[in-house]
Amino acid sequence: FVSHSHCQQLLASLWYEGLPGFRRRHSVIKMLITALVGLLCPVLSLAYLIMPRSSIGRIMRQPFIKFICHSVSYIFFLILLFVVSLRIDFGKLLSGIEVETNERRGPPPNPVELAIMFYVAGFIWAEIKQLYQEGLHQYMADTWNLLDWITNCLYVATIILRVMAYVKVNREERDLQGKFVADHVVHGTTTVHHSHHQHNLTTDPAGISTGHNVKRRDWNAWDPTLISEGIFAAANIFSSLKLVYIFTINPHLGPLQISLGRMVHDILKFSVLILLVAFAFACGLNQLFWYYARMKKAECEQD
């Protein structure tokens, strides 16, 4: 029924509402119109927020225009993630200080990370609105919604860990400073040069894992900054995979994605059979080589 030509014509007319004759235009004209709408996305979004019932606000309600603006906004979000992954030190660029803030424990957020935080807040609000409008059952039926929630939770966990790291490191700095000043007061010296004090905070063997400027190789394995970086990397992967959902509208990639989604269940069934066969062979090989494993372990312990 849906694939009938009349149904397709009706769906296309609803999708391209507000852009009459768009489908009949040349491909170059289509690309130019799409690029123009993408460039005007910030202006259209602000106009929609300020005057939602105006003519510009009604334009933003058109499905195709809305899709382009959402896609451009999300691509810009991915660009921000890519910029963060390049490890560009914005603190050094903006302040001119030679200190590498990216290599510090518990660094404050840079401008790009603040923009990502605003994006994450918007994503969470959009998911809450969608959950309220669709209901829990219908919302959970879509796997992409679950992926969105997992991604948002990872970003929230990253933000919380970064805040914890920032607070923890600053507390360590204050404790070290108080201890350093107290030690010098006891020894009769009350004036301490700042550079000498900073040197003691970062090179004291007793406080090798404390302070801002400790080298990364000396950090604790469970440092909140390291954990936040790992979670942030996982969130970036899920965010990039969201592009697959956007490509669904493509006449070439969309059917392939649907076919792959249908194949996942069959692939999982075959994986179970492969695991059973591999487990059977593993049991047989373990029966043959168990002695040599113990022998090598004993040799390693002796060495």
C-alpha atoms as a PDB file:
ATOM      1  CA  PHE A   1       0.000   0.000   0.000  1.00  0.00           C
ATOM      2  CA  VAL A   2       2.709   2.479   0.972  1.00  0.00           C
ATOM      3  CA  SER A   3       4.784   1.709  -2.121  1.00  0.00           C
ATOM      4  CA  HIS A   4       1.889   2.588  -4.427  1.00  0.00           C
ATOM      5  CA  SER A   5       2.655   5.542  -6.686  1.00  0.00           C
ATOM      6  CA  HIS A   6      -0.279   7.600  -5.412  1.00  0.00           C
ATOM      7  CA  CYS A   7       0.777   7.074  -1.797  1.00  0.00           C
ATOM      8  CA  GLN A   8       4.344   8.003  -2.646  1.00  0.00           C
ATOM      9  CA  GLN A   9       3.163  11.159  -4.369  1.00  0.00           C
ATOM     10  CA  LEU A  10       1.099  12.137  -1.336  1.00  0.00           C
ATOM     11  CA  LEU A  11       3.986  11.471   1.040  1.00  0.00           C
ATOM     12  CA  ALA A  12       6.355  13.475  -1.145  1.00  0.00           C
ATOM     13  CA  SER A  13       3.940  16.409  -1.257  1.00  0.00           C
ATOM     14  CA  LEU A  14       3.705  16.378   2.532  1.00  0.00           C
ATOM     15  CA  TRP A  15       7.469  16.042   2.937  1.00  0.00           C
ATOM     16  CA  TYR A  16       8.311  18.911   0.565  1.00  0.00           C
ATOM     17  CA  GLU A  17       5.471  21.122   1.749  1.00  0.00           C
ATOM     18  CA  GLY A  18       6.411  24.773   1.372  1.00  0.00           C
ATOM     19  CA  LEU A  19       8.855  24.020  -1.460  1.00  0.00           C
ATOM     20  CA  PRO A  20       6.670  23.585  -4.548  1.00  0.00           C
ATOM     21  CA  GLY A  21       8.425  22.020  -7.510  1.00  0.00           C
ATOM     22  CA  PHE A  22      11.501  21.087  -5.495  1.00  0.00           C
ATOM     23  CA  ARG A  23      11.588  17.504  -6.755  1.00  0.00           C
ATOM     24  CA  ARG A  24      11.492  18.602 -10.399  1.00  0.00           C
ATOM     25  CA  ARG A  25      14.424  20.977 -10.097  1.00  0.00           C
ATOM     26  CA  HIS A  26      17.955  20.219 -11.209  1.00  0.00           C
ATOM     27  CA  SER A  27      20.260  18.490  -8.738  1.00  0.00           C
ATOM     28  CA  VAL A  28      22.503  21.548  -8.523  1.00  0.00           C
ATOM     29  CA  ILE A  29      19.531  23.746  -7.646  1.00  0.00           C
ATOM     30  CA  LYS A  30      18.472  21.249  -4.989  1.00  0.00           C
ATOM     31  CA  MET A  31      21.937  21.294  -3.458  1.00  0.00           C
ATOM     32  CA  LEU A  32      22.031  25.098  -3.472  1.00  0.00           C
ATOM     33  CA  ILE A  33      18.624  25.349  -1.788  1.00  0.00           C
ATOM     34  CA  THR A  34      19.634  22.779   0.811  1.00  0.00           C
ATOM     35  CA  ALA A  35      22.922  24.585   1.476  1.00  0.00           C
ATOM     36  CA  LEU A  36      21.120  27.925   1.784  1.00  0.00           C
ATOM     37  CA  VAL A  37      18.652  26.518   4.299  1.00  0.00           C
ATOM     38  CA  GLY A  38      21.538  24.965   6.215  1.00  0.00           C
ATOM     39  CA  LEU A  39      23.410  28.266   6.371  1.00  0.00           C
ATOM     40  CA  LEU A  40      20.283  30.081   7.524  1.00  0.00           C
ATOM     41  CA  CYS A  41      19.609  27.461  10.191  1.00  0.00           C
ATOM     42  CA  PRO A  42      20.754  29.646  13.158  1.00  0.00           C
ATOM     43  CA  VAL A  43      18.657  32.589  11.946  1.00  0.00           C
ATOM     44  CA  LEU A  44      15.608  30.416  11.324  1.00  0.00           C
ATOM     45  CA  SER A  45      15.977  28.748  14.708  1.00  0.00           C
ATOM     46  CA  LEU A  46      16.195  32.062  16.560  1.00  0.00           C
ATOM     47  CA  ALA A  47      13.227  33.409  14.636  1.00  0.00           C
ATOM     48  CA  TYR A  48      11.237  30.299  15.499  1.00  0.00           C
ATOM     49  CA  LEU A  49      12.086  30.653  19.195  1.00  0.00           C
ATOM     50  CA  ILE A  50      11.197  34.346  19.277  1.00  0.00           C
ATOM     51  CA  MET A  51       8.234  34.364  16.873  1.00  0.00           C
ATOM     52  CA  PRO A  52       6.934  30.794  16.480  1.00  0.00           C
ATOM     53  CA  ARG A  53       3.683  31.928  14.818  1.00  0.00           C
ATOM     54  CA  SER A  54       5.279  34.247  12.279  1.00  0.00           C
ATOM     55  CA  SER A  55       5.853  33.417   8.621  1.00  0.00           C
ATOM     56  CA  ILE A  56       9.429  32.338   9.361  1.00  0.00           C
ATOM     57  CA  GLY A  57       8.160  30.222  12.233  1.00  0.00           C
ATOM     58  CA  ARG A  58       5.718  28.505   9.899  1.00  0.00           C
ATOM     59  CA  ILE A  59       8.568  27.812   7.488  1.00  0.00           C
ATOM     60  CA  MET A  60      10.439  26.042  10.272  1.00  0.00           C
ATOM     61  CA  ARG A  61       7.434  23.780  10.781  1.00  0.00           C
ATOM     62  CA  GLN A  62       7.755  22.339   7.283  1.00  0.00           C
ATOM     63  CA  PRO A  63       9.056  18.740   7.487  1.00  0.00           C
ATOM     64  CA  PHE A  64      11.847  19.114   4.946  1.00  0.00           C
ATOM     65  CA  ILE A  65      13.096  22.427   6.368  1.00  0.00           C
ATOM     66  CA  LYS A  66      12.939  21.026   9.879  1.00  0.00           C
ATOM     67  CA  PHE A  67      14.913  17.966   8.823  1.00  0.00           C
ATOM     68  CA  ILE A  68      17.637  20.063   7.184  1.00  0.00           C
ATOM     69  CA  CYS A  69      17.977  22.290  10.250  1.00  0.00           C
ATOM     70  CA  HIS A  70      18.128  19.315  12.602  1.00  0.00           C
ATOM     71  CA  SER A  71      20.713  17.604  10.399  1.00  0.00           C
ATOM     72  CA  VAL A  72      22.889  20.718  10.130  1.00  0.00           C
ATOM     73  CA  SER A  73      22.714  21.252  13.871  1.00  0.00           C
ATOM     74  CA  TYR A  74      23.699  17.661  14.577  1.00  0.00           C
ATOM     75  CA  ILE A  75      26.545  17.755  12.061  1.00  0.00           C
ATOM     76  CA  PHE A  76      27.831  20.896  13.777  1.00  0.00           C
ATOM     77  CA  PHE A  77      27.671  18.992  17.065  1.00  0.00           C
ATOM     78  CA  LEU A  78      29.780  16.216  15.536  1.00  0.00           C
ATOM     79  CA  ILE A  79      32.253  18.837  14.321  1.00  0.00           C
ATOM     80  CA  LEU A  80      32.573  20.079  17.903  1.00  0.00           C
ATOM     81  CA  LEU A  81      33.253  16.524  19.049  1.00  0.00           C
ATOM     82  CA  PHE A  82      35.886  16.184  16.343  1.00  0.00           C
ATOM     83  CA  VAL A  83      37.538  19.433  17.445  1.00  0.00           C
ATOM     84  CA  VAL A  84      37.681  18.173  21.031  1.00  0.00           C
ATOM     85  CA  SER A  85      39.185  14.883  19.865  1.00  0.00           C
ATOM     86  CA  LEU A  86      41.974  16.834  18.136  1.00  0.00           C
ATOM     87  CA  ARG A  87      43.093  17.979  21.612  1.00  0.00           C
ATOM     88  CA  ILE A  88      43.349  21.629  20.615  1.00  0.00           C
ATOM     89  CA  ASP A  89      44.411  23.612  23.669  1.00  0.00           C
ATOM     90  CA  PHE A  90      42.030  26.588  23.586  1.00  0.00           C
ATOM     91  CA  GLY A  91      43.243  27.833  26.949  1.00  0.00           C
ATOM     92  CA  LYS A  92      46.735  28.220  25.533  1.00  0.00           C
ATOM     93  CA  LEU A  93      45.476  29.835  22.328  1.00  0.00           C
ATOM     94  CA  LEU A  94      43.221  32.359  24.065  1.00  0.00           C
ATOM     95  CA  SER A  95      45.456  33.304  26.982  1.00  0.00           C
ATOM     96  CA  GLY A  96      48.862  32.978  25.367  1.00  0.00           C
ATOM     97  CA  ILE A  97      50.160  30.996  28.342  1.00  0.00           C
ATOM     98  CA  GLU A  98      52.601  28.250  27.499  1.00  0.00           C
ATOM     99  CA  VAL A  99      51.047  25.795  29.960  1.00  0.00           C
ATOM    100  CA  GLU A 100      49.353  22.833  28.292  1.00  0.00           C
ATOM    101  CA  THR A 101      45.945  22.834  29.991  1.00  0.00           C
ATOM    102  CA  ASN A 102      44.907  19.649  28.175  1.00  0.00           C
ATOM    103  CA  GLU A 103      47.626  17.745  30.020  1.00  0.00           C
ATOM    104  CA  ARG A 104      46.499  18.880  33.458  1.00  0.00           C
ATOM    105  CA  ARG A 105      44.453  16.879  35.904  1.00  0.00           C
ATOM    106  CA  GLY A 106      40.965  18.239  36.407  1.00  0.00           C
ATOM    107  CA  PRO A 107      41.163  20.927  33.708  1.00  0.00           C
ATOM    108  CA  PRO A 108      38.362  23.496  33.446  1.00  0.00           C
ATOM    109  CA  PRO A 109      36.095  23.205  30.391  1.00  0.00           C
ATOM    110  CA  ASN A 110      37.154  25.044  27.269  1.00  0.00           C
ATOM    111  CA  PRO A 111      34.681  26.954  25.034  1.00  0.00           C
ATOM    112  CA  VAL A 112      34.055  23.974  22.754  1.00  0.00           C
ATOM    113  CA  GLU A 113      33.285  21.712  25.701  1.00  0.00           C
ATOM    114  CA  LEU A 114      30.865  24.305  27.063  1.00  0.00           C
ATOM    115  CA  ALA A 115      29.087  24.335  23.697  1.00  0.00           C
ATOM    116  CA  ILE A 116      28.880  20.536  23.813  1.00  0.00           C
ATOM    117  CA  MET A 117      27.335  20.773  27.285  1.00  0.00           C
ATOM    118  CA  PHE A 118      24.606  23.054  25.928  1.00  0.00           C
ATOM    119  CA  TYR A 119      23.982  20.591  23.114  1.00  0.00           C
ATOM    120  CA  VAL A 120      23.698  17.711  25.584  1.00  0.00           C
ATOM    121  CA  ALA A 121      21.218  19.683  27.678  1.00  0.00           C
ATOM    122  CA  GLY A 122      19.146  20.277  24.543  1.00  0.00           C
ATOM    123  CA  PHE A 123      19.277  16.598  23.587  1.00  0.00           C
ATOM    124  CA  ILE A 124      18.097  15.553  27.033  1.00  0.00           C
ATOM    125  CA  TRP A 125      15.230  18.044  26.933  1.00  0.00           C
ATOM    126  CA  ALA A 126      14.205  16.820  23.469  1.00  0.00           C
ATOM    127  CA  GLU A 127      14.180  13.203  24.658  1.00  0.00           C
ATOM    128  CA  ILE A 128      12.082  14.123  27.694  1.00  0.00           C
ATOM    129  CA  LYS A 129       9.558  15.916  25.470  1.00  0.00           C
ATOM    130  CA  GLN A 130       9.397  12.967  23.092  1.00  0.00           C
ATOM    131  CA  LEU A 131       8.906  10.565  25.991  1.00  0.00           C
ATOM    132  CA  TYR A 132       6.078  12.712  27.351  1.00  0.00           C
ATOM    133  CA  GLN A 133       4.343  12.988  23.977  1.00  0.00           C
ATOM    134  CA  GLU A 134       4.657   9.370  22.831  1.00  0.00           C
ATOM    135  CA  GLY A 135       4.401   7.520  26.113  1.00  0.00           C
ATOM    136  CA  LEU A 136       6.820   5.038  27.611  1.00  0.00           C
ATOM    137  CA  HIS A 137       5.706   1.973  25.631  1.00  0.00           C
ATOM    138  CA  GLN A 138       5.884   3.589  22.200  1.00  0.00           C
ATOM    139  CA  TYR A 139       9.072   5.427  23.092  1.00  0.00           C
ATOM    140  CA  MET A 140      10.882   2.267  24.194  1.00  0.00           C
ATOM    141  CA  ALA A 141       9.771   0.424  21.058  1.00  0.00           C
ATOM    142  CA  ASP A 142      12.241   2.468  18.992  1.00  0.00           C
ATOM    143  CA  THR A 143      15.817   1.252  19.453  1.00  0.00           C
ATOM    144  CA  TRP A 144      17.229   4.609  18.407  1.00  0.00           C
ATOM    145  CA  ASN A 145      15.592   6.215  21.433  1.00  0.00           C
ATOM    146  CA  LEU A 146      17.417   3.771  23.689  1.00  0.00           C
ATOM    147  CA  LEU A 147      20.663   4.635  21.931  1.00  0.00           C
ATOM    148  CA  ASP A 148      19.972   8.331  22.483  1.00  0.00           C
ATOM    149  CA  TRP A 149      19.405   7.787  26.195  1.00  0.00           C
ATOM    150  CA  ILE A 150      22.584   5.738  26.531  1.00  0.00           C
ATOM    151  CA  THR A 151      24.546   8.453  24.740  1.00  0.00           C
ATOM    152  CA  ASN A 152      23.070  11.216  26.885  1.00  0.00           C
ATOM    153  CA  CYS A 153      23.795   9.249  30.064  1.00  0.00           C
ATOM    154  CA  LEU A 154      27.408   8.836  28.976  1.00  0.00           C
ATOM    155  CA  TYR A 155      27.740  12.571  28.385  1.00  0.00           C
ATOM    156  CA  VAL A 156      26.172  13.336  31.765  1.00  0.00           C
ATOM    157  CA  ALA A 157      28.569  10.889  33.425  1.00  0.00           C
ATOM    158  CA  THR A 158      31.461  12.612  31.650  1.00  0.00           C
ATOM    159  CA  ILE A 159      30.369  16.019  32.924  1.00  0.00           C
ATOM    160  CA  ILE A 160      29.949  14.728  36.482  1.00  0.00           C
ATOM    161  CA  LEU A 161      33.390  13.110  36.462  1.00  0.00           C
ATOM    162  CA  ARG A 162      34.997  16.253  35.072  1.00  0.00           C
ATOM    163  CA  VAL A 163      33.406  18.309  37.845  1.00  0.00           C
ATOM    164  CA  MET A 164      34.554  15.762  40.425  1.00  0.00           C
ATOM    165  CA  ALA A 165      38.089  15.847  39.029  1.00  0.00           C
ATOM    166  CA  TYR A 166      38.160  19.648  39.051  1.00  0.00           C
ATOM    167  CA  VAL A 167      36.941  19.838  42.651  1.00  0.00           C
ATOM    168  CA  LYS A 168      39.249  17.047  43.795  1.00  0.00           C
ATOM    169  CA  VAL A 169      42.381  18.523  42.238  1.00  0.00           C
ATOM    170  CA  ASN A 170      41.662  22.008  43.572  1.00  0.00           C
ATOM    171  CA  ARG A 171      41.137  20.555  47.050  1.00  0.00           C
ATOM    172  CA  GLU A 172      44.475  18.756  46.758  1.00  0.00           C
ATOM    173  CA  GLU A 173      46.153  21.983  45.688  1.00  0.00           C
ATOM    174  CA  ARG A 174      44.717  23.842  48.683  1.00  0.00           C
ATOM    175  CA  ASP A 175      45.762  21.073  51.077  1.00  0.00           C
ATOM    176  CA  LEU A 176      49.275  20.983  49.650  1.00  0.00           C
ATOM    177  CA  GLN A 177      49.536  24.755  49.803  1.00  0.00           C
ATOM    178  CA  GLY A 178      48.383  24.808  53.417  1.00  0.00           C
ATOM    179  CA  LYS A 179      50.804  22.047  54.345  1.00  0.00           C
ATOM    180  CA  PHE A 180      53.640  23.759  52.509  1.00  0.00           C
ATOM    181  CA  VAL A 181      53.030  27.103  54.216  1.00  0.00           C
ATOM    182  CA  ALA A 182      52.643  25.435  57.613  1.00  0.00           C
ATOM    183  CA  ASP A 183      55.954  23.612  57.210  1.00  0.00           C
ATOM    184  CA  HIS A 184      57.753  26.837  56.343  1.00  0.00           C
ATOM    185  CA  VAL A 185      56.135  28.686  59.224  1.00  0.00           C
ATOM    186  CA  VAL A 186      57.403  25.998  61.573  1.00  0.00           C
ATOM    187  CA  HIS A 187      60.904  26.419  60.177  1.00  0.00           C
ATOM    188  CA  GLY A 188      60.698  30.197  60.526  1.00  0.00           C
ATOM    189  CA  THR A 189      60.134  31.120  56.873  1.00  0.00           C
ATOM    190  CA  THR A 190      56.877  32.784  56.003  1.00  0.00           C
ATOM    191  CA  THR A 191      57.618  34.077  52.503  1.00  0.00           C
ATOM    192  CA  VAL A 192      57.625  31.565  49.704  1.00  0.00           C
ATOM    193  CA  HIS A 193      58.320  32.313  46.092  1.00  0.00           C
ATOM    194  CA  HIS A 194      55.442  31.275  43.818  1.00  0.00           C
ATOM    195  CA  SER A 195      57.541  29.388  41.312  1.00  0.00           C
ATOM    196  CA  HIS A 196      59.344  27.497  44.049  1.00  0.00           C
ATOM    197  CA  HIS A 197      55.998  26.625  45.620  1.00  0.00           C
ATOM    198  CA  GLN A 198      54.648  25.396  42.301  1.00  0.00           C
ATOM    199  CA  HIS A 199      57.755  23.275  41.829  1.00  0.00           C
ATOM    200  CA  ASN A 200      57.176  21.574  45.169  1.00  0.00           C
ATOM    201  CA  LEU A 201      53.534  20.857  44.347  1.00  0.00           C
ATOM    202  CA  THR A 202      54.411  18.985  41.218  1.00  0.00           C
ATOM    203  CA  THR A 203      57.705  17.286  42.002  1.00  0.00           C
ATOM    204  CA  ASP A 204      57.291  16.192  45.598  1.00  0.00           C
ATOM    205  CA  PRO A 205      57.571  12.366  45.580  1.00  0.00           C
ATOM    206  CA  ALA A 206      55.065  12.099  48.401  1.00  0.00           C
ATOM    207  CA  GLY A 207      52.448  13.921  46.339  1.00  0.00           C
ATOM    208  CA  ILE A 208      53.238  12.398  42.966  1.00  0.00           C
ATOM    209  CA  SER A 209      49.544  11.876  42.142  1.00  0.00           C
ATOM    210  CA  THR A 210      48.295  15.209  43.456  1.00  0.00           C
ATOM    211  CA  GLY A 211      48.093  18.666  41.957  1.00  0.00           C
ATOM    212  CA  HIS A 212      47.210  20.043  38.542  1.00  0.00           C
ATOM    213  CA  ASN A 213      50.536  19.731  36.789  1.00  0.00           C
ATOM    214  CA  VAL A 214      51.402  16.107  37.492  1.00  0.00           C
ATOM    215  CA  LYS A 215      52.511  14.321  34.339  1.00  0.00           C
ATOM    216  CA  ARG A 216      49.911  12.035  32.825  1.00  0.00           C
ATOM    217  CA  ARG A 217      52.080   8.937  33.192  1.00  0.00           C
ATOM    218  CA  ASP A 218      52.095   9.505  36.970  1.00  0.00           C
ATOM    219  CA  TRP A 219      48.312   9.758  37.328  1.00  0.00           C
ATOM    220  CA  ASN A 220      46.328   7.230  39.276  1.00  0.00           C
ATOM    221  CA  ALA A 221      44.748   4.595  37.027  1.00  0.00           C
ATOM    222  CA  TRP A 222      41.288   5.469  38.412  1.00  0.00           C
ATOM    223  CA  ASP A 223      41.689   9.219  38.154  1.00  0.00           C
ATOM    224  CA  PRO A 224      38.289  10.821  37.343  1.00  0.00           C
ATOM    225  CA  THR A 225      39.819  12.704  34.429  1.00  0.00           C
ATOM    226  CA  LEU A 226      40.971   9.470  32.780  1.00  0.00           C
ATOM    227  CA  ILE A 227      37.629   7.761  33.365  1.00  0.00           C
ATOM    228  CA  SER A 228      35.761  10.754  31.952  1.00  0.00           C
ATOM    229  CA  GLU A 229      37.910  10.660  28.824  1.00  0.00           C
ATOM    230  CA  GLY A 230      37.092   6.984  28.297  1.00  0.00           C
ATOM    231  CA  ILE A 231      33.360   7.548  28.758  1.00  0.00           C
ATOM    232  CA  PHE A 232      33.492  10.578  26.485  1.00  0.00           C
ATOM    233  CA  ALA A 233      35.168   8.482  23.778  1.00  0.00           C
ATOM    234  CA  ALA A 234      32.380   5.889  24.009  1.00  0.00           C
ATOM    235  CA  ALA A 235      29.754   8.639  23.797  1.00  0.00           C
ATOM    236  CA  ASN A 236      31.460  10.013  20.685  1.00  0.00           C
ATOM    237  CA  ILE A 237      31.147   6.615  19.015  1.00  0.00           C
ATOM    238  CA  PHE A 238      27.415   6.442  19.707  1.00  0.00           C
ATOM    239  CA  SER A 239      26.948  10.030  18.532  1.00  0.00           C
ATOM    240  CA  SER A 240      28.688   9.281  15.247  1.00  0.00           C
ATOM    241  CA  LEU A 241      26.548   6.185  14.741  1.00  0.00           C
ATOM    242  CA  LYS A 242      23.485   8.433  14.860  1.00  0.00           C
ATOM    243  CA  LEU A 243      24.384   9.509  11.318  1.00  0.00           C
ATOM    244  CA  VAL A 244      23.150   6.108  10.170  1.00  0.00           C
ATOM    245  CA  TYR A 245      19.681   7.128  11.307  1.00  0.00           C
ATOM    246  CA  ILE A 246      19.878  10.370   9.332  1.00  0.00           C
ATOM    247  CA  PHE A 247      20.922   8.510   6.177  1.00  0.00           C
ATOM    248  CA  THR A 248      17.665   6.546   6.266  1.00  0.00           C
ATOM    249  CA  ILE A 249      16.046   9.069   3.932  1.00  0.00           C
ATOM    250  CA  ASN A 250      18.620   8.373   1.235  1.00  0.00           C
ATOM    251  CA  PRO A 251      17.060   6.227  -1.524  1.00  0.00           C
ATOM    252  CA  HIS A 252      20.222   4.126  -1.754  1.00  0.00           C
ATOM    253  CA  LEU A 253      21.415   3.870   1.847  1.00  0.00           C
ATOM    254  CA  GLY A 254      17.970   3.708   3.446  1.00  0.00           C
ATOM    255  CA  PRO A 255      16.953   0.284   2.058  1.00  0.00           C
ATOM    256  CA  LEU A 256      20.396  -1.099   2.903  1.00  0.00           C
ATOM    257  CA  GLN A 257      20.015   0.041   6.494  1.00  0.00           C
ATOM    258  CA  ILE A 258      16.575  -1.561   6.753  1.00  0.00           C
ATOM    259  CA  SER A 259      17.927  -4.801   5.277  1.00  0.00           C
ATOM    260  CA  LEU A 260      20.817  -4.777   7.733  1.00  0.00           C
ATOM    261  CA  GLY A 261      18.416  -4.242  10.606  1.00  0.00           C
ATOM    262  CA  ARG A 262      16.407  -7.277   9.524  1.00  0.00           C
ATOM    263  CA  MET A 263      19.607  -9.312   9.207  1.00  0.00           C
ATOM    264  CA  VAL A 264      20.816  -8.591  12.732  1.00  0.00           C
ATOM    265  CA  HIS A 265      18.566 -11.237  14.281  1.00  0.00           C
ATOM    266  CA  ASP A 266      19.773 -13.879  11.824  1.00  0.00           C
ATOM    267  CA  ILE A 267      23.388 -12.878  12.437  1.00  0.00           C
ATOM    268  CA  LEU A 268      22.900 -13.292  16.184  1.00  0.00           C
ATOM    269  CA  LYS A 269      21.405 -16.760  15.671  1.00  0.00           C
ATOM    270  CA  PHE A 270      24.378 -17.834  13.566  1.00  0.00           C
ATOM    271  CA  SER A 271      26.712 -16.343  16.180  1.00  0.00           C
ATOM    272  CA  VAL A 272      25.217 -18.626  18.823  1.00  0.00           C
ATOM    273  CA  LEU A 273      25.944 -21.668  16.650  1.00  0.00           C
ATOM    274  CA  ILE A 274      29.498 -20.481  15.986  1.00  0.00           C
ATOM    275  CA  LEU A 275      30.090 -19.954  19.714  1.00  0.00           C
ATOM    276  CA  LEU A 276      28.853 -23.472  20.471  1.00  0.00           C
ATOM    277  CA  VAL A 277      31.240 -24.988  17.911  1.00  0.00           C
ATOM    278  CA  ALA A 278      34.126 -22.857  19.185  1.00  0.00           C
ATOM    279  CA  PHE A 279      33.353 -23.878  22.780  1.00  0.00           C
ATOM    280  CA  ALA A 280      33.412 -27.555  21.824  1.00  0.00           C
ATOM    281  CA  PHE A 281      36.817 -27.237  20.157  1.00  0.00           C
ATOM    282  CA  ALA A 282      38.120 -25.167  23.083  1.00  0.00           C
ATOM    283  CA  CYS A 283      37.192 -27.942  25.513  1.00  0.00           C
ATOM    284  CA  GLY A 284      39.035 -30.502  23.391  1.00  0.00           C
ATOM    285  CA  LEU A 285      42.157 -28.356  23.044  1.00  0.00           C
ATOM    286  CA  ASN A 286      42.155 -27.627  26.759  1.00  0.00           C
ATOM    287  CA  GLN A 287      42.106 -31.366  27.452  1.00  0.00           C
ATOM    288  CA  LEU A 288      45.160 -31.825  25.229  1.00  0.00           C
ATOM    289  CA  PHE A 289      47.313 -28.899  26.344  1.00  0.00           C
ATOM    290  CA  TRP A 290      46.452 -28.386  30.022  1.00  0.00           C
ATOM    291  CA  TYR A 291      49.799 -29.798  31.188  1.00  0.00           C
ATOM    292  CA  TYR A 292      51.864 -27.438  29.035  1.00  0.00           C
ATOM    293  CA  ALA A 293      49.918 -24.439  30.302  1.00  0.00           C
ATOM    294  CA  ARG A 294      50.775 -25.320  33.903  1.00  0.00           C
ATOM    295  CA  MET A 295      54.389 -25.968  32.953  1.00  0.00           C
ATOM    296  CA  LYS A 296      54.775 -22.575  31.268  1.00  0.00           C
ATOM    297  CA  LYS A 297      53.106 -20.871  34.217  1.00  0.00           C
ATOM    298  CA  ALA A 298      55.545 -22.523  36.627  1.00  0.00           C
ATOM    299  CA  GLU A 299      58.498 -21.481  34.460  1.00  0.00           C
ATOM    300  CA  CYS A 300      57.292 -17.880  34.365  1.00  0.00           C
ATOM    301  CA  GLU A 301      56.868 -17.811  38.139  1.00  0.00           C
ATOM    302  CA  GLN A 302      60.394 -19.167  38.606  1.00  0.00           C
ATOM    303  CA  ASP A 303      61.843 -16.523  36.284  1.00  0.00           C
END
